[in-house]
Amino acid sequence: MALLLIAAGLYLAIAAYVLVAQRSLIFPAPPRGRPPAHVEQMVSLLSGQYFVYLPGSPVVVYFHGNAEDLSDAGPMMDLLRSLGAGVLAVEYPGYGASPGSPSERGLYAAAESALRWLRDKKREQDVMLLGQSLGSGVAIEMARRGWGARIVLISPFTSMSALGQQLFPWLPVSLLLQHRFDNLSKAPQIDKQVLVLHGTDDEVVPFAMGERMSHAFPHATLHPIPGGHHNDMLWLHAAELRSAIGPLLEYSGGR
């Protein structure tokens, strides 16, 4: 009985830790205050939120992953620029020099503020959304709200609950989770062209999740990256990303 009580106490303590610490687990931001790549093109809003805008047509609105900020976004921005596109790279609350703390709702609000700013400059058919890892959840929500004409998802996950259940299979993650990013349930509502790029050897977000996401959208194409891991897509597979994304930009009529 004593051992059972100890085990139960440990279980409850771990569950309480996950409940309280989930923000830092889901949003492990780099050290605060780092300037973004292409800082000379930074646009600040009255709220203190900022983003980087590199003009061009079409414009790709980029939502980065959870363990990086816009300081790390230079390679992606340069890749998109090399394809002839403009870029609007969005910073999240609590990342870089952006005020506040990150949350699912906060990320969506930051993304929508940037898209409203862009709406005065670009037609909707000239806007493409690109989300990587955590950013795939932001891109999917923005598309569900009607933003963007096309979507590219790199290493997308089905939901934060499903990811968390893989890390803590013995915890009731769905009951503890506050930031849900339920991408799979939103996908059938998005009647737009979607390109899913996913490394076959992804050790963080399993390839099977990207495959399942591609089947959930009404109009999606899955482009596997053979041997691709979660964090080497831009470093080791940039040529494959370029060849997959390029035709989607051309189809948008921007070039």
Foldseek 3Di string as FASTA:
>chain_A
DVVVVVVVVVQVVVLVCCLVCVLCVQAVADDAADQAPVNVQWDADPQRWIKGKFDFWLEEEEEEGRHYFRNPCVLVQVLVVVLGHIYIYGGFDPHHHHHDGGALVRRLVRSVVSQVVCVVPDDQLRYEYEYEEVGVLSSLVVLLVPGHQEYEYELYAQWVQVLVCVVVVPDNSVVSDDRISRNLVSQCSRQHEYEYEYECAAPRHHPVRSVSSQVSHPHYDYDYDYPDYRPCCSPPPSVVVSVVVSVVSVVSVRD
